[in-house]
């Protein structure tokens, strides 16, 4: 979380299979004003609140989020975000275990592809893709189309029990490296 000036007191980035989201929180510490924005779109506004601390609940897609406001010293406050009941850091760690993300350019546009490892759902720029899965000699392949381009996620054994399965994205036969910023 990054602290910022004015009434904007907190900013978080939340990466989900359905997309990347920025969450901004404004807190007027004299008026109690609270504003929540997701991807720059205001989703909640409270102008006058006499209780300066507490929780603000909202949803990002199907995920329940809570911003907690806690006093620290004098008239200073601490802000934290929980997602589905987990502190953001734990939620992000859990997401990295159940999903794999790639960023690539397709037809000149940056494209974000996410594999949900538990369901084998494939998302492209926040849209659930229609896929076809098949078993192959060394694992499985999940095929999908990106406009005129063919996508395939190969799932194979790493050969190491601790490492588990490897997921390899191919676009038109070219391997795309995973995006380590989203892992």
C-alpha atoms as a PDB file:
ATOM      1  CA  UNK A   1       0.000   0.000   0.000  1.00  0.00           C
ATOM      2  CA  UNK A   2       1.291   3.455  -0.843  1.00  0.00           C
ATOM      3  CA  UNK A   3       0.391   6.516   1.232  1.00  0.00           C
ATOM      4  CA  UNK A   4      -0.572   9.628  -0.683  1.00  0.00           C
ATOM      5  CA  UNK A   5      -1.454  13.239   0.163  1.00  0.00           C
ATOM      6  CA  UNK A   6      -4.676  15.183   0.833  1.00  0.00           C
ATOM      7  CA  UNK A   7      -7.787  13.192   1.699  1.00  0.00           C
ATOM      8  CA  UNK A   8      -6.511  10.298  -0.452  1.00  0.00           C
ATOM      9  CA  UNK A   9      -4.880   8.219   2.270  1.00  0.00           C
ATOM     10  CA  UNK A  10      -4.477   4.741   0.787  1.00  0.00           C
ATOM     11  CA  UNK A  11      -3.992   2.997  -2.549  1.00  0.00           C
ATOM     12  CA  UNK A  12      -3.825  -0.732  -3.286  1.00  0.00           C
ATOM     13  CA  UNK A  13      -3.445  -2.849  -6.424  1.00  0.00           C
ATOM     14  CA  UNK A  14      -5.436  -6.078  -6.624  1.00  0.00           C
ATOM     15  CA  UNK A  15      -4.779  -8.569  -9.426  1.00  0.00           C
ATOM     16  CA  UNK A  16      -7.549 -11.090 -10.051  1.00  0.00           C
ATOM     17  CA  UNK A  17      -8.190 -13.491 -12.917  1.00  0.00           C
ATOM     18  CA  UNK A  18     -10.958 -11.138 -14.069  1.00  0.00           C
ATOM     19  CA  UNK A  19      -8.541  -8.187 -14.263  1.00  0.00           C
ATOM     20  CA  UNK A  20      -6.198  -5.794 -12.500  1.00  0.00           C
ATOM     21  CA  UNK A  21      -7.876  -3.352 -10.109  1.00  0.00           C
ATOM     22  CA  UNK A  22      -6.671  -0.201  -8.369  1.00  0.00           C
ATOM     23  CA  UNK A  23      -8.408   0.711  -5.103  1.00  0.00           C
ATOM     24  CA  UNK A  24      -8.238   4.258  -3.732  1.00  0.00           C
ATOM     25  CA  UNK A  25      -9.522   5.360  -0.342  1.00  0.00           C
ATOM     26  CA  UNK A  26     -10.163   8.938   0.763  1.00  0.00           C
ATOM     27  CA  UNK A  27     -10.702   9.660   4.444  1.00  0.00           C
ATOM     28  CA  UNK A  28     -11.490  13.143   5.743  1.00  0.00           C
ATOM     29  CA  UNK A  29     -10.144  12.914   9.270  1.00  0.00           C
ATOM     30  CA  UNK A  30     -12.124  15.921  10.483  1.00  0.00           C
ATOM     31  CA  UNK A  31     -15.432  15.253   8.711  1.00  0.00           C
ATOM     32  CA  UNK A  32     -15.245  11.468   8.587  1.00  0.00           C
ATOM     33  CA  UNK A  33     -15.795  11.622   4.808  1.00  0.00           C
ATOM     34  CA  UNK A  34     -15.056   8.287   3.118  1.00  0.00           C
ATOM     35  CA  UNK A  35     -14.764   7.655  -0.614  1.00  0.00           C
ATOM     36  CA  UNK A  36     -13.827   4.354  -2.255  1.00  0.00           C
ATOM     37  CA  UNK A  37     -12.817   4.186  -5.917  1.00  0.00           C
ATOM     38  CA  UNK A  38     -12.121   1.050  -7.940  1.00  0.00           C
ATOM     39  CA  UNK A  39     -10.277   1.687 -11.219  1.00  0.00           C
ATOM     40  CA  UNK A  40     -10.988   5.433 -10.777  1.00  0.00           C
ATOM     41  CA  UNK A  41     -14.775   4.788 -10.583  1.00  0.00           C
ATOM     42  CA  UNK A  42     -16.387   5.930  -7.350  1.00  0.00           C
ATOM     43  CA  UNK A  43     -18.297   3.054  -5.756  1.00  0.00           C
ATOM     44  CA  UNK A  44     -19.032   4.498  -2.292  1.00  0.00           C
ATOM     45  CA  UNK A  45     -19.245   7.955  -0.759  1.00  0.00           C
ATOM     46  CA  UNK A  46     -20.130   8.945   2.802  1.00  0.00           C
ATOM     47  CA  UNK A  47     -19.915  12.695   3.386  1.00  0.00           C
ATOM     48  CA  UNK A  48     -20.367  13.116   7.153  1.00  0.00           C
ATOM     49  CA  UNK A  49     -19.593  10.340   9.578  1.00  0.00           C
ATOM     50  CA  UNK A  50     -19.082  10.957  13.270  1.00  0.00           C
ATOM     51  CA  UNK A  51     -17.254   7.680  13.780  1.00  0.00           C
ATOM     52  CA  UNK A  52     -13.769   8.217  12.315  1.00  0.00           C
ATOM     53  CA  UNK A  53     -12.662   4.569  12.654  1.00  0.00           C
ATOM     54  CA  UNK A  54     -14.255   1.309  11.565  1.00  0.00           C
ATOM     55  CA  UNK A  55     -14.694  -0.817   8.447  1.00  0.00           C
ATOM     56  CA  UNK A  56     -15.931  -0.116   4.932  1.00  0.00           C
ATOM     57  CA  UNK A  57     -17.192  -3.173   3.032  1.00  0.00           C
ATOM     58  CA  UNK A  58     -17.485  -3.428  -0.754  1.00  0.00           C
ATOM     59  CA  UNK A  59     -17.065  -5.933  -3.569  1.00  0.00           C
ATOM     60  CA  UNK A  60     -14.594  -6.172  -6.416  1.00  0.00           C
ATOM     61  CA  UNK A  61     -16.167  -8.642  -8.804  1.00  0.00           C
ATOM     62  CA  UNK A  62     -17.172 -11.622  -6.693  1.00  0.00           C
ATOM     63  CA  UNK A  63     -14.614 -10.843  -3.967  1.00  0.00           C
ATOM     64  CA  UNK A  64     -15.651  -9.271  -0.650  1.00  0.00           C
ATOM     65  CA  UNK A  65     -13.280  -6.468   0.377  1.00  0.00           C
ATOM     66  CA  UNK A  66     -12.971  -4.523   3.622  1.00  0.00           C
ATOM     67  CA  UNK A  67     -10.986  -1.383   4.324  1.00  0.00           C
ATOM     68  CA  UNK A  68     -10.248  -1.116   8.050  1.00  0.00           C
ATOM     69  CA  UNK A  69      -9.531   2.251   9.650  1.00  0.00           C
ATOM     70  CA  UNK A  70      -7.704   2.040  12.987  1.00  0.00           C
ATOM     71  CA  UNK A  71      -6.273   4.803  15.200  1.00  0.00           C
ATOM     72  CA  UNK A  72      -2.535   4.680  15.802  1.00  0.00           C
ATOM     73  CA  UNK A  73      -1.435   7.820  17.692  1.00  0.00           C
ATOM     74  CA  UNK A  74      -3.125  11.147  18.261  1.00  0.00           C
ATOM     75  CA  UNK A  75      -5.114  11.901  15.128  1.00  0.00           C
ATOM     76  CA  UNK A  76      -3.242   9.432  12.918  1.00  0.00           C
ATOM     77  CA  UNK A  77      -4.866   6.423  11.322  1.00  0.00           C
ATOM     78  CA  UNK A  78      -3.790   3.134   9.794  1.00  0.00           C
ATOM     79  CA  UNK A  79      -5.595   1.687   6.764  1.00  0.00           C
ATOM     80  CA  UNK A  80      -5.612  -1.959   5.728  1.00  0.00           C
ATOM     81  CA  UNK A  81      -7.367  -3.962   3.018  1.00  0.00           C
ATOM     82  CA  UNK A  82      -8.691  -7.493   3.413  1.00  0.00           C
ATOM     83  CA  UNK A  83     -10.013  -9.578   0.508  1.00  0.00           C
ATOM     84  CA  UNK A  84     -12.297 -12.545   1.164  1.00  0.00           C
ATOM     85  CA  UNK A  85     -11.413 -12.293   4.854  1.00  0.00           C
ATOM     86  CA  UNK A  86      -7.629 -12.417   4.291  1.00  0.00           C
ATOM     87  CA  UNK A  87      -5.152  -9.543   4.635  1.00  0.00           C
ATOM     88  CA  UNK A  88      -4.161  -8.387   1.142  1.00  0.00           C
ATOM     89  CA  UNK A  89      -0.662  -9.889   1.409  1.00  0.00           C
ATOM     90  CA  UNK A  90      -2.038 -13.362   2.307  1.00  0.00           C
ATOM     91  CA  UNK A  91      -4.705 -13.134  -0.400  1.00  0.00           C
ATOM     92  CA  UNK A  92      -2.059 -12.254  -3.017  1.00  0.00           C
ATOM     93  CA  UNK A  93       0.123 -15.172  -1.888  1.00  0.00           C
ATOM     94  CA  UNK A  94      -2.861 -17.534  -2.134  1.00  0.00           C
ATOM     95  CA  UNK A  95      -3.761 -16.173  -5.615  1.00  0.00           C
ATOM     96  CA  UNK A  96      -0.215 -16.809  -6.825  1.00  0.00           C
ATOM     97  CA  UNK A  97      -0.608 -20.470  -5.844  1.00  0.00           C
ATOM     98  CA  UNK A  98      -3.927 -20.957  -7.671  1.00  0.00           C
ATOM     99  CA  UNK A  99      -3.311 -18.861 -10.799  1.00  0.00           C
ATOM    100  CA  UNK A 100      -0.649 -18.133 -13.413  1.00  0.00           C
ATOM    101  CA  UNK A 101      -0.444 -14.832 -15.291  1.00  0.00           C
ATOM    102  CA  UNK A 102       1.184 -13.875 -18.587  1.00  0.00           C
ATOM    103  CA  UNK A 103       1.454 -10.467 -20.292  1.00  0.00           C
ATOM    104  CA  UNK A 104       2.073 -10.373 -24.017  1.00  0.00           C
ATOM    105  CA  UNK A 105       1.300  -8.302 -27.097  1.00  0.00           C
ATOM    106  CA  UNK A 106      -1.345  -9.689 -29.437  1.00  0.00           C
ATOM    107  CA  UNK A 107      -2.191  -7.679 -32.563  1.00  0.00           C
ATOM    108  CA  UNK A 108      -0.313  -4.695 -31.116  1.00  0.00           C
ATOM    109  CA  UNK A 109      -2.224  -4.574 -27.800  1.00  0.00           C
ATOM    110  CA  UNK A 110      -1.003  -5.620 -24.367  1.00  0.00           C
ATOM    111  CA  UNK A 111      -2.925  -8.741 -23.420  1.00  0.00           C
ATOM    112  CA  UNK A 112      -3.244 -10.214 -19.918  1.00  0.00           C
ATOM    113  CA  UNK A 113      -3.869 -13.968 -19.828  1.00  0.00           C
ATOM    114  CA  UNK A 114      -4.620 -15.757 -16.550  1.00  0.00           C
ATOM    115  CA  UNK A 115      -4.989 -19.474 -15.899  1.00  0.00           C
ATOM    116  CA  UNK A 116      -6.960 -20.502 -12.812  1.00  0.00           C
ATOM    117  CA  UNK A 117      -5.051 -23.660 -11.914  1.00  0.00           C
ATOM    118  CA  UNK A 118      -7.847 -25.197  -9.834  1.00  0.00           C
ATOM    119  CA  UNK A 119     -10.551 -24.901 -12.543  1.00  0.00           C
ATOM    120  CA  UNK A 120      -8.338 -24.583 -15.670  1.00  0.00           C
ATOM    121  CA  UNK A 121     -10.404 -21.510 -16.631  1.00  0.00           C
ATOM    122  CA  UNK A 122      -8.554 -19.119 -18.935  1.00  0.00           C
ATOM    123  CA  UNK A 123      -9.183 -15.357 -18.747  1.00  0.00           C
ATOM    124  CA  UNK A 124      -8.034 -12.866 -21.361  1.00  0.00           C
ATOM    125  CA  UNK A 125      -8.185  -9.170 -20.407  1.00  0.00           C
ATOM    126  CA  UNK A 126     -10.894  -9.963 -17.847  1.00  0.00           C
ATOM    127  CA  UNK A 127     -13.021 -12.101 -20.181  1.00  0.00           C
ATOM    128  CA  UNK A 128     -13.554 -15.800 -19.537  1.00  0.00           C
ATOM    129  CA  UNK A 129     -12.411 -17.639 -22.681  1.00  0.00           C
ATOM    130  CA  UNK A 130     -14.029 -20.620 -24.334  1.00  0.00           C
ATOM    131  CA  UNK A 131     -11.511 -23.447 -24.155  1.00  0.00           C
ATOM    132  CA  UNK A 132     -11.021 -27.015 -25.345  1.00  0.00           C
ATOM    133  CA  UNK A 133      -8.879 -29.359 -23.255  1.00  0.00           C
ATOM    134  CA  UNK A 134      -7.145 -32.489 -24.391  1.00  0.00           C
ATOM    135  CA  UNK A 135      -4.822 -35.084 -22.900  1.00  0.00           C
ATOM    136  CA  UNK A 136      -1.442 -35.440 -24.572  1.00  0.00           C
ATOM    137  CA  UNK A 137       1.486 -37.809 -23.922  1.00  0.00           C
ATOM    138  CA  UNK A 138       3.187 -35.649 -21.272  1.00  0.00           C
ATOM    139  CA  UNK A 139       0.196 -33.820 -19.729  1.00  0.00           C
ATOM    140  CA  UNK A 140      -2.704 -31.707 -20.968  1.00  0.00           C
ATOM    141  CA  UNK A 141      -3.248 -28.868 -23.414  1.00  0.00           C
ATOM    142  CA  UNK A 142      -5.906 -26.208 -23.066  1.00  0.00           C
ATOM    143  CA  UNK A 143      -6.633 -24.513 -26.409  1.00  0.00           C
ATOM    144  CA  UNK A 144      -8.308 -21.122 -26.958  1.00  0.00           C
ATOM    145  CA  UNK A 145      -8.466 -18.395 -29.596  1.00  0.00           C
ATOM    146  CA  UNK A 146      -7.295 -14.788 -29.334  1.00  0.00           C
ATOM    147  CA  UNK A 147      -8.839 -13.200 -32.396  1.00  0.00           C
ATOM    148  CA  UNK A 148      -6.933 -14.733 -35.325  1.00  0.00           C
ATOM    149  CA  UNK A 149      -4.309 -16.248 -33.014  1.00  0.00           C
ATOM    150  CA  UNK A 150      -4.169 -19.699 -31.440  1.00  0.00           C
ATOM    151  CA  UNK A 151      -3.416 -19.973 -27.724  1.00  0.00           C
ATOM    152  CA  UNK A 152      -2.462 -23.135 -25.882  1.00  0.00           C
ATOM    153  CA  UNK A 153      -1.538 -23.697 -22.246  1.00  0.00           C
ATOM    154  CA  UNK A 154       0.458 -26.900 -21.789  1.00  0.00           C
ATOM    155  CA  UNK A 155       0.362 -28.420 -18.325  1.00  0.00           C
ATOM    156  CA  UNK A 156       3.178 -30.874 -17.637  1.00  0.00           C
ATOM    157  CA  UNK A 157       4.903 -32.390 -14.628  1.00  0.00           C
ATOM    158  CA  UNK A 158       8.011 -30.565 -13.431  1.00  0.00           C
ATOM    159  CA  UNK A 159       9.489 -33.892 -12.351  1.00  0.00           C
ATOM    160  CA  UNK A 160       9.837 -32.383  -8.869  1.00  0.00           C
ATOM    161  CA  UNK A 161       7.133 -33.189  -6.315  1.00  0.00           C
ATOM    162  CA  UNK A 162       7.661 -29.887  -4.445  1.00  0.00           C
ATOM    163  CA  UNK A 163       7.450 -27.777  -7.616  1.00  0.00           C
ATOM    164  CA  UNK A 164       4.408 -29.610  -8.967  1.00  0.00           C
ATOM    165  CA  UNK A 165       2.969 -28.851 -12.388  1.00  0.00           C
ATOM    166  CA  UNK A 166       4.340 -26.405 -14.941  1.00  0.00           C
ATOM    167  CA  UNK A 167       2.027 -24.268 -17.075  1.00  0.00           C
ATOM    168  CA  UNK A 168       3.461 -23.067 -20.384  1.00  0.00           C
ATOM    169  CA  UNK A 169       1.625 -20.540 -22.582  1.00  0.00           C
ATOM    170  CA  UNK A 170       2.088 -20.745 -26.329  1.00  0.00           C
ATOM    171  CA  UNK A 171       0.651 -18.152 -28.750  1.00  0.00           C
ATOM    172  CA  UNK A 172       0.876 -19.276 -32.384  1.00  0.00           C
ATOM    173  CA  UNK A 173       3.543 -21.797 -31.305  1.00  0.00           C
ATOM    174  CA  UNK A 174       5.723 -19.212 -29.516  1.00  0.00           C
ATOM    175  CA  UNK A 175       6.335 -19.636 -25.782  1.00  0.00           C
ATOM    176  CA  UNK A 176       5.366 -16.641 -23.624  1.00  0.00           C
ATOM    177  CA  UNK A 177       7.224 -16.280 -20.295  1.00  0.00           C
ATOM    178  CA  UNK A 178       5.086 -15.897 -17.152  1.00  0.00           C
ATOM    179  CA  UNK A 179       4.727 -12.415 -15.681  1.00  0.00           C
ATOM    180  CA  UNK A 180       6.622 -12.551 -12.410  1.00  0.00           C
ATOM    181  CA  UNK A 181       5.035  -9.290 -11.143  1.00  0.00           C
ATOM    182  CA  UNK A 182       1.668 -11.100 -10.781  1.00  0.00           C
ATOM    183  CA  UNK A 183       3.036 -14.265  -9.191  1.00  0.00           C
END
